[in-house]
N, C-alpha and C. Protein backbone atom coordinates (compact mmCIF):
# COMPACT_ATOMS: atom_id res chain seq x y z
N LEU A 1 -7.44 -17.27 6.16
CA LEU A 1 -7.63 -15.97 5.52
C LEU A 1 -7.90 -16.11 4.02
N LEU A 2 -7.26 -17.09 3.43
CA LEU A 2 -7.33 -17.21 1.98
C LEU A 2 -7.89 -18.58 1.61
N LEU A 3 -8.87 -18.61 0.71
CA LEU A 3 -9.42 -19.86 0.22
C LEU A 3 -9.09 -19.97 -1.26
N CYS A 4 -8.06 -20.73 -1.57
CA CYS A 4 -7.59 -20.82 -2.95
C CYS A 4 -8.21 -22.04 -3.62
N MET A 5 -9.05 -21.82 -4.62
CA MET A 5 -9.70 -22.91 -5.32
C MET A 5 -9.01 -23.22 -6.63
N PHE A 6 -8.31 -22.23 -7.18
CA PHE A 6 -7.68 -22.45 -8.47
C PHE A 6 -6.54 -21.47 -8.63
N LEU A 7 -5.37 -21.97 -9.05
CA LEU A 7 -4.21 -21.11 -9.25
C LEU A 7 -4.12 -20.74 -10.71
N GLY A 8 -4.47 -19.49 -11.03
CA GLY A 8 -4.45 -19.05 -12.41
C GLY A 8 -3.04 -18.84 -12.91
N THR A 9 -2.69 -19.46 -14.00
CA THR A 9 -1.35 -19.29 -14.57
C THR A 9 -1.35 -18.23 -15.67
N HIS A 10 -2.53 -17.95 -16.22
CA HIS A 10 -2.64 -16.91 -17.24
C HIS A 10 -3.79 -15.99 -16.83
N GLY A 11 -3.48 -14.74 -16.51
CA GLY A 11 -4.51 -13.83 -16.04
C GLY A 11 -4.77 -14.03 -14.56
N PHE A 12 -5.66 -13.22 -14.04
CA PHE A 12 -5.93 -13.25 -12.61
C PHE A 12 -6.82 -14.42 -12.22
N ASN A 13 -6.66 -14.84 -10.99
CA ASN A 13 -7.45 -15.92 -10.43
C ASN A 13 -8.71 -15.34 -9.80
N THR A 14 -9.81 -15.47 -10.50
CA THR A 14 -11.08 -14.90 -10.01
C THR A 14 -11.82 -15.86 -9.08
N HIS A 15 -11.25 -17.04 -8.84
CA HIS A 15 -11.89 -18.03 -7.96
C HIS A 15 -11.39 -17.93 -6.52
N LEU A 16 -10.50 -17.01 -6.27
CA LEU A 16 -9.94 -16.88 -4.93
C LEU A 16 -10.85 -16.00 -4.08
N VAL A 17 -11.28 -16.53 -2.95
CA VAL A 17 -12.14 -15.77 -2.03
C VAL A 17 -11.23 -15.04 -1.04
N ILE A 18 -11.32 -13.72 -1.02
CA ILE A 18 -10.42 -12.92 -0.19
C ILE A 18 -11.22 -12.23 0.91
N GLU A 19 -10.80 -12.44 2.13
CA GLU A 19 -11.43 -11.83 3.28
C GLU A 19 -10.40 -10.99 4.03
N PRO A 20 -10.85 -9.93 4.72
CA PRO A 20 -9.90 -9.12 5.50
C PRO A 20 -9.45 -9.84 6.76
N GLN A 21 -8.43 -9.30 7.38
CA GLN A 21 -7.91 -9.81 8.64
C GLN A 21 -9.05 -9.98 9.65
N PRO A 22 -9.21 -11.17 10.23
CA PRO A 22 -10.27 -11.36 11.24
C PRO A 22 -10.07 -10.43 12.43
N ASN A 23 -11.17 -9.90 12.92
CA ASN A 23 -11.15 -9.01 14.09
C ASN A 23 -10.18 -7.84 13.90
N PHE A 24 -10.23 -7.26 12.72
CA PHE A 24 -9.30 -6.18 12.39
C PHE A 24 -9.42 -5.04 13.39
N ASP A 25 -8.26 -4.54 13.86
CA ASP A 25 -8.19 -3.47 14.86
C ASP A 25 -7.46 -2.27 14.25
N MET A 26 -8.21 -1.22 13.93
CA MET A 26 -7.63 -0.06 13.26
C MET A 26 -6.63 0.68 14.15
N GLU A 27 -6.91 0.75 15.43
CA GLU A 27 -6.01 1.46 16.33
C GLU A 27 -4.63 0.79 16.38
N LYS A 28 -4.62 -0.53 16.38
CA LYS A 28 -3.36 -1.27 16.40
C LYS A 28 -2.65 -1.16 15.05
N PHE A 29 -3.43 -0.99 13.99
CA PHE A 29 -2.86 -0.96 12.64
C PHE A 29 -2.29 0.42 12.29
N ALA A 30 -2.72 1.44 12.98
CA ALA A 30 -2.28 2.81 12.68
C ALA A 30 -0.79 2.98 12.93
N GLY A 31 -0.25 4.08 12.38
CA GLY A 31 1.14 4.41 12.63
C GLY A 31 1.99 4.33 11.38
N GLU A 32 3.29 4.16 11.57
CA GLU A 32 4.25 4.16 10.46
C GLU A 32 4.36 2.77 9.82
N TRP A 33 4.37 2.77 8.50
CA TRP A 33 4.58 1.55 7.72
C TRP A 33 5.53 1.84 6.56
N TYR A 34 6.30 0.86 6.17
CA TYR A 34 7.16 0.96 4.98
C TYR A 34 6.61 0.01 3.92
N ARG A 35 6.47 0.52 2.70
CA ARG A 35 6.04 -0.35 1.60
C ARG A 35 7.28 -1.02 1.01
N ILE A 36 7.35 -2.32 1.23
CA ILE A 36 8.55 -3.07 0.88
C ILE A 36 8.41 -3.82 -0.44
N GLY A 37 7.22 -4.33 -0.70
CA GLY A 37 6.99 -5.09 -1.93
C GLY A 37 5.73 -4.65 -2.62
N LEU A 38 5.70 -4.81 -3.95
CA LEU A 38 4.53 -4.41 -4.72
C LEU A 38 4.38 -5.36 -5.91
N ALA A 39 3.15 -5.83 -6.12
CA ALA A 39 2.81 -6.64 -7.30
C ALA A 39 1.81 -5.86 -8.13
N ASP A 40 2.13 -5.66 -9.41
CA ASP A 40 1.31 -4.81 -10.27
C ASP A 40 1.56 -5.23 -11.71
N GLU A 41 0.50 -5.57 -12.44
CA GLU A 41 0.63 -6.04 -13.82
C GLU A 41 0.47 -4.91 -14.84
N SER A 42 0.24 -3.68 -14.40
CA SER A 42 -0.04 -2.60 -15.35
C SER A 42 1.20 -2.20 -16.15
N PRO A 43 1.02 -1.79 -17.39
CA PRO A 43 2.15 -1.31 -18.19
C PRO A 43 2.83 -0.10 -17.56
N PHE A 44 2.07 0.73 -16.85
CA PHE A 44 2.65 1.90 -16.19
C PHE A 44 3.69 1.48 -15.17
N PHE A 45 3.34 0.48 -14.35
CA PHE A 45 4.27 0.00 -13.33
C PHE A 45 5.50 -0.64 -13.96
N ALA A 46 5.30 -1.33 -15.08
CA ALA A 46 6.41 -2.00 -15.75
C ALA A 46 7.51 -1.02 -16.17
N MET A 47 7.13 0.23 -16.40
CA MET A 47 8.11 1.21 -16.87
C MET A 47 9.11 1.62 -15.80
N PHE A 48 8.71 1.56 -14.52
CA PHE A 48 9.62 2.03 -13.47
C PHE A 48 9.89 1.02 -12.37
N LYS A 49 9.42 -0.23 -12.53
CA LYS A 49 9.52 -1.21 -11.45
C LYS A 49 10.97 -1.51 -11.05
N ASN A 50 11.91 -1.42 -12.00
CA ASN A 50 13.31 -1.70 -11.70
C ASN A 50 13.95 -0.60 -10.86
N HIS A 51 13.26 0.52 -10.70
CA HIS A 51 13.77 1.63 -9.91
C HIS A 51 12.98 1.84 -8.62
N LEU A 52 12.15 0.85 -8.29
CA LEU A 52 11.27 1.00 -7.12
C LEU A 52 12.08 1.04 -5.83
N LYS A 53 11.82 2.05 -5.02
CA LYS A 53 12.47 2.21 -3.72
C LYS A 53 11.42 2.03 -2.61
N VAL A 54 11.88 1.65 -1.44
CA VAL A 54 10.99 1.54 -0.28
C VAL A 54 10.39 2.91 0.03
N SER A 55 9.09 2.95 0.21
CA SER A 55 8.39 4.19 0.58
C SER A 55 7.97 4.11 2.05
N LYS A 56 7.83 5.26 2.65
CA LYS A 56 7.41 5.32 4.04
C LYS A 56 6.03 5.96 4.14
N GLY A 57 5.17 5.39 4.98
CA GLY A 57 3.82 5.91 5.12
C GLY A 57 3.42 6.11 6.57
N LEU A 58 2.49 7.02 6.77
CA LEU A 58 1.92 7.28 8.10
C LEU A 58 0.42 7.16 7.98
N LEU A 59 -0.15 6.21 8.74
CA LEU A 59 -1.57 5.93 8.69
C LEU A 59 -2.22 6.48 9.96
N VAL A 60 -3.19 7.41 9.77
CA VAL A 60 -3.82 8.08 10.90
C VAL A 60 -5.34 7.96 10.80
N PRO A 61 -5.97 7.23 11.72
CA PRO A 61 -7.44 7.13 11.70
C PRO A 61 -8.07 8.37 12.30
N ASP A 62 -9.30 8.66 11.86
CA ASP A 62 -10.02 9.78 12.46
C ASP A 62 -11.13 9.25 13.37
N ALA A 63 -11.86 10.16 13.97
CA ALA A 63 -12.88 9.79 14.94
C ALA A 63 -14.04 9.01 14.33
N ASN A 64 -14.21 9.12 13.00
CA ASN A 64 -15.32 8.45 12.33
C ASN A 64 -14.96 7.06 11.81
N GLY A 65 -13.71 6.66 12.00
CA GLY A 65 -13.29 5.35 11.52
C GLY A 65 -12.67 5.37 10.14
N ASN A 66 -12.61 6.55 9.53
CA ASN A 66 -11.92 6.69 8.25
C ASN A 66 -10.42 6.83 8.51
N VAL A 67 -9.62 6.76 7.43
CA VAL A 67 -8.17 6.74 7.59
C VAL A 67 -7.51 7.69 6.59
N ASN A 68 -6.52 8.43 7.07
CA ASN A 68 -5.69 9.25 6.20
C ASN A 68 -4.30 8.63 6.10
N LEU A 69 -3.83 8.45 4.88
CA LEU A 69 -2.51 7.87 4.64
C LEU A 69 -1.64 8.88 3.89
N THR A 70 -0.47 9.18 4.44
CA THR A 70 0.52 10.01 3.77
C THR A 70 1.72 9.13 3.43
N MET A 71 2.08 9.08 2.15
CA MET A 71 3.22 8.28 1.70
C MET A 71 4.32 9.19 1.20
N TRP A 72 5.55 8.93 1.66
CA TRP A 72 6.72 9.67 1.21
C TRP A 72 7.63 8.72 0.44
N SER A 73 8.09 9.17 -0.74
CA SER A 73 8.96 8.35 -1.58
C SER A 73 10.15 9.17 -2.05
N ILE A 74 11.29 8.52 -2.19
CA ILE A 74 12.48 9.17 -2.73
C ILE A 74 12.44 9.09 -4.24
N ARG A 75 12.53 10.24 -4.90
CA ARG A 75 12.59 10.32 -6.35
C ARG A 75 13.90 10.99 -6.76
N PRO A 76 14.28 10.87 -8.05
CA PRO A 76 15.51 11.56 -8.50
C PRO A 76 15.48 13.06 -8.27
N TYR A 77 14.28 13.64 -8.29
CA TYR A 77 14.14 15.08 -8.11
C TYR A 77 13.92 15.48 -6.65
N GLY A 78 13.87 14.50 -5.77
CA GLY A 78 13.66 14.81 -4.35
C GLY A 78 12.60 13.94 -3.73
N CYS A 79 11.79 14.56 -2.87
CA CYS A 79 10.78 13.82 -2.12
C CYS A 79 9.41 13.93 -2.80
N SER A 80 8.75 12.80 -2.95
CA SER A 80 7.41 12.77 -3.51
C SER A 80 6.42 12.47 -2.39
N ILE A 81 5.35 13.24 -2.30
CA ILE A 81 4.35 13.07 -1.25
C ILE A 81 3.00 12.73 -1.89
N SER A 82 2.39 11.66 -1.39
CA SER A 82 1.05 11.28 -1.83
C SER A 82 0.16 11.17 -0.60
N VAL A 83 -1.04 11.73 -0.70
CA VAL A 83 -1.98 11.72 0.42
C VAL A 83 -3.27 11.04 -0.02
N TYR A 84 -3.73 10.08 0.77
CA TYR A 84 -4.94 9.33 0.46
C TYR A 84 -5.92 9.41 1.62
N SER A 85 -7.20 9.43 1.29
CA SER A 85 -8.25 9.40 2.31
C SER A 85 -9.11 8.17 2.07
N TYR A 86 -9.03 7.22 3.01
CA TYR A 86 -9.76 5.97 2.89
C TYR A 86 -11.01 6.01 3.77
N GLU A 87 -12.14 5.67 3.17
CA GLU A 87 -13.40 5.64 3.91
C GLU A 87 -13.71 4.23 4.38
N LYS A 88 -14.14 4.11 5.62
CA LYS A 88 -14.46 2.79 6.16
C LYS A 88 -15.70 2.23 5.46
N THR A 89 -15.82 0.92 5.50
CA THR A 89 -17.01 0.24 4.99
C THR A 89 -17.67 -0.49 6.17
N ASP A 90 -18.69 -1.26 5.87
CA ASP A 90 -19.36 -2.03 6.92
C ASP A 90 -18.52 -3.23 7.37
N VAL A 91 -17.46 -3.52 6.61
CA VAL A 91 -16.60 -4.67 6.93
C VAL A 91 -15.28 -4.16 7.49
N PRO A 92 -14.97 -4.45 8.75
CA PRO A 92 -13.69 -4.02 9.32
C PRO A 92 -12.51 -4.57 8.51
N GLY A 93 -11.57 -3.69 8.20
CA GLY A 93 -10.42 -4.10 7.39
C GLY A 93 -10.59 -3.83 5.91
N GLU A 94 -11.75 -3.32 5.51
CA GLU A 94 -11.99 -2.96 4.12
C GLU A 94 -12.34 -1.48 4.04
N PHE A 95 -11.73 -0.79 3.06
CA PHE A 95 -11.92 0.64 2.88
C PHE A 95 -12.11 0.95 1.40
N THR A 96 -12.60 2.14 1.11
CA THR A 96 -12.70 2.60 -0.27
C THR A 96 -12.11 4.00 -0.38
N TYR A 97 -11.69 4.35 -1.59
CA TYR A 97 -11.21 5.69 -1.85
C TYR A 97 -11.38 6.01 -3.33
N PHE A 98 -11.41 7.29 -3.65
CA PHE A 98 -11.55 7.71 -5.04
C PHE A 98 -10.17 7.90 -5.65
N SER A 99 -9.89 7.17 -6.72
CA SER A 99 -8.61 7.27 -7.42
C SER A 99 -8.69 8.38 -8.47
N LYS A 100 -7.96 9.46 -8.23
CA LYS A 100 -7.94 10.55 -9.19
C LYS A 100 -7.24 10.14 -10.49
N ARG A 101 -6.28 9.26 -10.35
CA ARG A 101 -5.53 8.81 -11.53
C ARG A 101 -6.40 8.03 -12.50
N HIS A 102 -7.26 7.14 -11.98
CA HIS A 102 -8.11 6.32 -12.84
C HIS A 102 -9.56 6.77 -12.85
N ASN A 103 -9.89 7.75 -12.01
CA ASN A 103 -11.23 8.33 -11.96
C ASN A 103 -12.30 7.29 -11.62
N ILE A 104 -11.95 6.41 -10.68
CA ILE A 104 -12.90 5.40 -10.22
C ILE A 104 -12.75 5.24 -8.70
N ILE A 105 -13.73 4.58 -8.08
CA ILE A 105 -13.63 4.24 -6.66
C ILE A 105 -12.96 2.87 -6.55
N LYS A 106 -11.94 2.79 -5.72
CA LYS A 106 -11.22 1.53 -5.51
C LYS A 106 -11.41 1.06 -4.07
N ASP A 107 -11.26 -0.24 -3.89
CA ASP A 107 -11.35 -0.80 -2.55
C ASP A 107 -9.97 -1.21 -2.07
N ILE A 108 -9.80 -1.17 -0.76
CA ILE A 108 -8.56 -1.58 -0.10
C ILE A 108 -8.92 -2.64 0.94
N THR A 109 -8.22 -3.78 0.91
CA THR A 109 -8.48 -4.84 1.88
C THR A 109 -7.19 -5.17 2.63
N ILE A 110 -7.24 -5.09 3.95
CA ILE A 110 -6.11 -5.52 4.77
C ILE A 110 -6.26 -7.03 4.93
N VAL A 111 -5.57 -7.78 4.09
CA VAL A 111 -5.77 -9.22 4.01
C VAL A 111 -5.19 -9.93 5.23
N GLU A 112 -4.00 -9.51 5.65
CA GLU A 112 -3.34 -10.20 6.75
C GLU A 112 -2.34 -9.26 7.41
N THR A 113 -2.29 -9.27 8.73
CA THR A 113 -1.32 -8.47 9.47
C THR A 113 -1.16 -9.02 10.88
N ASN A 114 0.03 -8.82 11.44
CA ASN A 114 0.21 -9.11 12.86
C ASN A 114 0.40 -7.80 13.65
N TYR A 115 0.20 -6.66 12.94
CA TYR A 115 0.22 -5.32 13.51
C TYR A 115 1.61 -4.83 13.90
N THR A 116 2.47 -5.68 14.37
CA THR A 116 3.78 -5.25 14.87
C THR A 116 4.90 -5.45 13.87
N ASP A 117 4.62 -6.18 12.79
CA ASP A 117 5.71 -6.58 11.90
C ASP A 117 5.40 -6.39 10.42
N TYR A 118 4.27 -6.92 9.96
CA TYR A 118 4.00 -6.91 8.52
C TYR A 118 2.50 -6.80 8.26
N SER A 119 2.17 -6.49 6.99
CA SER A 119 0.79 -6.53 6.53
C SER A 119 0.76 -6.79 5.03
N LEU A 120 -0.23 -7.55 4.58
CA LEU A 120 -0.49 -7.78 3.17
C LEU A 120 -1.76 -7.01 2.82
N VAL A 121 -1.67 -6.17 1.80
CA VAL A 121 -2.78 -5.29 1.45
C VAL A 121 -3.12 -5.46 -0.03
N LEU A 122 -4.40 -5.67 -0.30
CA LEU A 122 -4.89 -5.83 -1.67
C LEU A 122 -5.68 -4.60 -2.07
N LYS A 123 -5.35 -4.07 -3.23
CA LYS A 123 -6.10 -2.94 -3.79
C LYS A 123 -6.89 -3.43 -5.00
N TYR A 124 -8.17 -3.19 -5.00
CA TYR A 124 -9.10 -3.50 -6.09
C TYR A 124 -9.24 -5.01 -6.31
N LYS A 125 -10.08 -5.63 -5.49
CA LYS A 125 -10.21 -7.08 -5.51
C LYS A 125 -11.00 -7.63 -6.70
N ASN A 126 -11.57 -6.76 -7.55
CA ASN A 126 -12.24 -7.24 -8.76
C ASN A 126 -11.25 -7.74 -9.81
N MET A 127 -9.97 -7.65 -9.52
CA MET A 127 -8.90 -8.21 -10.32
C MET A 127 -8.87 -7.64 -11.74
N HIS A 128 -8.29 -6.50 -11.87
CA HIS A 128 -8.15 -5.79 -13.15
C HIS A 128 -6.68 -5.46 -13.36
N LYS A 129 -6.20 -5.72 -14.56
CA LYS A 129 -4.77 -5.55 -14.85
C LYS A 129 -4.28 -4.14 -14.57
N GLU A 130 -5.11 -3.15 -14.83
CA GLU A 130 -4.69 -1.76 -14.66
C GLU A 130 -4.80 -1.28 -13.21
N TYR A 131 -5.67 -1.90 -12.42
CA TYR A 131 -6.00 -1.33 -11.11
C TYR A 131 -5.55 -2.18 -9.92
N THR A 132 -5.51 -3.49 -10.07
CA THR A 132 -5.26 -4.36 -8.92
C THR A 132 -3.78 -4.39 -8.54
N GLN A 133 -3.52 -4.26 -7.24
CA GLN A 133 -2.17 -4.32 -6.70
C GLN A 133 -2.18 -5.12 -5.40
N VAL A 134 -1.05 -5.74 -5.10
CA VAL A 134 -0.82 -6.32 -3.79
C VAL A 134 0.44 -5.69 -3.23
N ALA A 135 0.40 -5.28 -1.97
CA ALA A 135 1.57 -4.65 -1.36
C ALA A 135 1.94 -5.34 -0.06
N LEU A 136 3.23 -5.40 0.19
CA LEU A 136 3.76 -5.87 1.46
C LEU A 136 4.27 -4.67 2.23
N TYR A 137 3.75 -4.47 3.44
CA TYR A 137 4.18 -3.38 4.31
C TYR A 137 4.86 -3.95 5.54
N GLY A 138 5.82 -3.20 6.06
CA GLY A 138 6.50 -3.62 7.28
C GLY A 138 6.67 -2.44 8.22
N ARG A 139 6.78 -2.72 9.48
CA ARG A 139 7.06 -1.65 10.44
C ARG A 139 8.50 -1.20 10.33
N SER A 140 9.35 -2.02 9.70
CA SER A 140 10.74 -1.68 9.41
C SER A 140 10.92 -1.69 7.90
N SER A 141 11.94 -1.00 7.41
CA SER A 141 12.19 -0.95 5.97
C SER A 141 12.82 -2.23 5.45
N ILE A 142 13.26 -3.10 6.35
CA ILE A 142 13.84 -4.38 5.97
C ILE A 142 12.95 -5.49 6.54
N GLN A 143 12.55 -6.40 5.65
CA GLN A 143 11.62 -7.44 6.07
C GLN A 143 12.29 -8.82 6.05
N ARG A 144 11.79 -9.71 6.89
CA ARG A 144 12.34 -11.06 6.97
C ARG A 144 12.06 -11.84 5.69
N PRO A 145 12.98 -12.71 5.26
CA PRO A 145 12.80 -13.48 4.02
C PRO A 145 11.51 -14.28 3.99
N GLU A 146 11.10 -14.86 5.12
CA GLU A 146 9.89 -15.67 5.13
C GLU A 146 8.63 -14.84 4.89
N LEU A 147 8.66 -13.57 5.28
CA LEU A 147 7.51 -12.69 5.03
C LEU A 147 7.50 -12.20 3.59
N ILE A 148 8.67 -12.00 3.02
CA ILE A 148 8.76 -11.67 1.60
C ILE A 148 8.23 -12.83 0.77
N GLU A 149 8.56 -14.05 1.19
CA GLU A 149 8.07 -15.24 0.48
C GLU A 149 6.55 -15.37 0.65
N LYS A 150 6.02 -15.02 1.82
CA LYS A 150 4.57 -15.04 2.04
C LYS A 150 3.88 -14.08 1.07
N PHE A 151 4.44 -12.88 0.94
CA PHE A 151 3.90 -11.89 0.00
C PHE A 151 3.96 -12.40 -1.43
N ARG A 152 5.11 -12.96 -1.82
CA ARG A 152 5.27 -13.46 -3.18
C ARG A 152 4.28 -14.59 -3.47
N SER A 153 4.12 -15.51 -2.53
CA SER A 153 3.20 -16.64 -2.72
C SER A 153 1.76 -16.16 -2.85
N PHE A 154 1.38 -15.17 -2.04
CA PHE A 154 0.02 -14.63 -2.13
C PHE A 154 -0.22 -13.98 -3.49
N ALA A 155 0.75 -13.17 -3.95
CA ALA A 155 0.61 -12.52 -5.26
C ALA A 155 0.51 -13.55 -6.38
N LEU A 156 1.32 -14.59 -6.32
CA LEU A 156 1.27 -15.64 -7.34
C LEU A 156 -0.08 -16.36 -7.31
N SER A 157 -0.62 -16.57 -6.11
CA SER A 157 -1.91 -17.26 -5.98
C SER A 157 -3.05 -16.46 -6.61
N LEU A 158 -2.87 -15.14 -6.68
CA LEU A 158 -3.88 -14.28 -7.32
C LEU A 158 -3.73 -14.26 -8.84
N GLY A 159 -2.61 -14.76 -9.33
CA GLY A 159 -2.39 -14.78 -10.77
C GLY A 159 -1.38 -13.77 -11.27
N PHE A 160 -0.71 -13.05 -10.36
CA PHE A 160 0.35 -12.15 -10.79
C PHE A 160 1.52 -12.96 -11.32
N SER A 161 2.19 -12.44 -12.33
CA SER A 161 3.37 -13.11 -12.88
C SER A 161 4.59 -12.79 -12.03
N ASP A 162 5.63 -13.60 -12.15
CA ASP A 162 6.87 -13.35 -11.41
C ASP A 162 7.43 -11.97 -11.74
N GLU A 163 7.31 -11.57 -13.00
CA GLU A 163 7.87 -10.30 -13.44
C GLU A 163 7.16 -9.11 -12.82
N ALA A 164 5.91 -9.31 -12.39
CA ALA A 164 5.12 -8.20 -11.84
C ALA A 164 5.32 -8.02 -10.34
N ILE A 165 6.05 -8.96 -9.71
CA ILE A 165 6.26 -8.93 -8.27
C ILE A 165 7.64 -8.36 -7.97
N VAL A 166 7.67 -7.22 -7.27
CA VAL A 166 8.93 -6.51 -7.07
C VAL A 166 9.16 -6.24 -5.59
N ILE A 167 10.37 -6.49 -5.13
CA ILE A 167 10.80 -6.10 -3.79
C ILE A 167 11.58 -4.80 -3.93
N ALA A 168 11.11 -3.77 -3.27
CA ALA A 168 11.71 -2.44 -3.41
C ALA A 168 13.10 -2.40 -2.78
N ALA A 169 13.95 -1.54 -3.33
CA ALA A 169 15.30 -1.37 -2.80
C ALA A 169 15.26 -0.50 -1.55
N ASP A 170 15.94 -0.94 -0.52
CA ASP A 170 16.03 -0.15 0.71
C ASP A 170 17.00 1.00 0.48
N VAL A 171 16.61 2.20 0.82
CA VAL A 171 17.45 3.37 0.55
C VAL A 171 18.42 3.68 1.68
N GLY A 172 18.29 2.98 2.81
CA GLY A 172 19.24 3.17 3.91
C GLY A 172 18.80 4.22 4.92
N LYS A 173 19.35 4.11 6.12
CA LYS A 173 18.95 4.97 7.23
C LYS A 173 19.21 6.44 6.94
N PHE A 174 20.36 6.76 6.32
CA PHE A 174 20.68 8.16 6.05
C PHE A 174 19.62 8.79 5.15
N ALA A 175 19.23 8.04 4.12
CA ALA A 175 18.21 8.57 3.19
C ALA A 175 16.88 8.75 3.90
N TYR A 176 16.55 7.83 4.81
CA TYR A 176 15.29 7.97 5.54
C TYR A 176 15.33 9.17 6.47
N ASP A 177 16.49 9.43 7.06
CA ASP A 177 16.63 10.60 7.92
C ASP A 177 16.41 11.88 7.12
N ILE A 178 17.00 11.94 5.93
CA ILE A 178 16.82 13.10 5.05
C ILE A 178 15.36 13.20 4.62
N MET A 179 14.77 12.05 4.28
CA MET A 179 13.37 12.03 3.84
C MET A 179 12.46 12.50 4.96
N ASN A 180 12.73 12.07 6.19
CA ASN A 180 11.92 12.50 7.32
C ASN A 180 11.93 14.01 7.46
N LYS A 181 13.12 14.62 7.34
CA LYS A 181 13.24 16.06 7.51
C LYS A 181 12.60 16.82 6.34
N ASN A 182 13.03 16.48 5.13
CA ASN A 182 12.56 17.22 3.95
C ASN A 182 11.09 16.97 3.65
N CYS A 183 10.69 15.70 3.71
CA CYS A 183 9.31 15.37 3.37
C CYS A 183 8.33 15.89 4.41
N LEU A 184 8.71 15.79 5.67
CA LEU A 184 7.82 16.31 6.71
C LEU A 184 7.68 17.82 6.61
N PHE A 185 8.77 18.49 6.22
CA PHE A 185 8.70 19.93 6.02
C PHE A 185 7.76 20.26 4.85
N GLN A 186 7.89 19.50 3.75
CA GLN A 186 7.02 19.73 2.60
C GLN A 186 5.57 19.43 2.96
N THR A 187 5.35 18.40 3.75
CA THR A 187 4.00 18.05 4.18
C THR A 187 3.39 19.16 5.01
N ALA A 188 4.21 19.73 5.92
CA ALA A 188 3.72 20.82 6.76
C ALA A 188 3.35 22.04 5.92
N MET A 189 4.18 22.34 4.90
CA MET A 189 3.89 23.47 4.02
C MET A 189 2.62 23.22 3.21
N LEU A 190 2.45 21.95 2.77
CA LEU A 190 1.26 21.59 2.00
C LEU A 190 0.01 21.75 2.85
N GLN A 191 0.08 21.27 4.10
CA GLN A 191 -1.06 21.39 5.00
C GLN A 191 -1.37 22.84 5.32
N LYS A 192 -0.31 23.65 5.46
CA LYS A 192 -0.49 25.07 5.74
C LYS A 192 -1.20 25.75 4.59
N SER A 193 -0.82 25.39 3.36
CA SER A 193 -1.46 25.97 2.18
C SER A 193 -2.93 25.58 2.10
N ARG A 194 -3.21 24.32 2.43
CA ARG A 194 -4.60 23.86 2.40
C ARG A 194 -5.44 24.58 3.45
N ASN A 195 -4.86 24.79 4.62
CA ASN A 195 -5.59 25.49 5.68
C ASN A 195 -5.92 26.92 5.26
N LYS A 196 -4.98 27.57 4.57
CA LYS A 196 -5.23 28.93 4.10
C LYS A 196 -6.38 28.95 3.10
N LEU A 197 -6.42 27.92 2.22
CA LEU A 197 -7.49 27.85 1.24
C LEU A 197 -8.83 27.68 1.92
N HIS A 198 -8.87 26.84 2.96
CA HIS A 198 -10.12 26.62 3.70
C HIS A 198 -10.55 27.90 4.41
N LEU A 199 -9.58 28.62 4.98
CA LEU A 199 -9.92 29.86 5.68
C LEU A 199 -10.35 30.95 4.73
N GLY A 200 -9.79 30.91 3.52
CA GLY A 200 -10.15 31.93 2.54
C GLY A 200 -11.51 31.70 1.94
């Protein structure tokens, strides 16, 4: 999956050839995922990385091969909901989406997954300090040490510093139960409001 020609110790490694998961299967990849780890060199991430909590996501493909992702996160003020729409490309396992935050189109690559346990996902492979991220996702909120080490090694191979690689804190089953109830309710209300706007 990964062809490492040079390990950059300062800045990103632009010599690394990154390909998506061979024979990527979107139907098998769909469903619930937990974001367990995140590597990000941006100053914005540095401000809150010590407070990073595991987020829960639901990935739903549509009939055209595009994907909708809803992410729920626990914040001090309650539940935070983020919704993303990823458009398929000609390469299975690679998607694009428009980032409202940075006002640019970003790419998403499913670098590696076994579908039932974990996935490594790269955002913005052009390797930019402000935009590029690597994430470790799991079907469970708790991941095996060897998979965490796989994620860490991959991020280091891209040139991320140790300080930029963070394993999120697990918030526990009770918090996830509350998040499921409250966040799903907020999501339903949000969707209802959007439907009214479309009908109007």
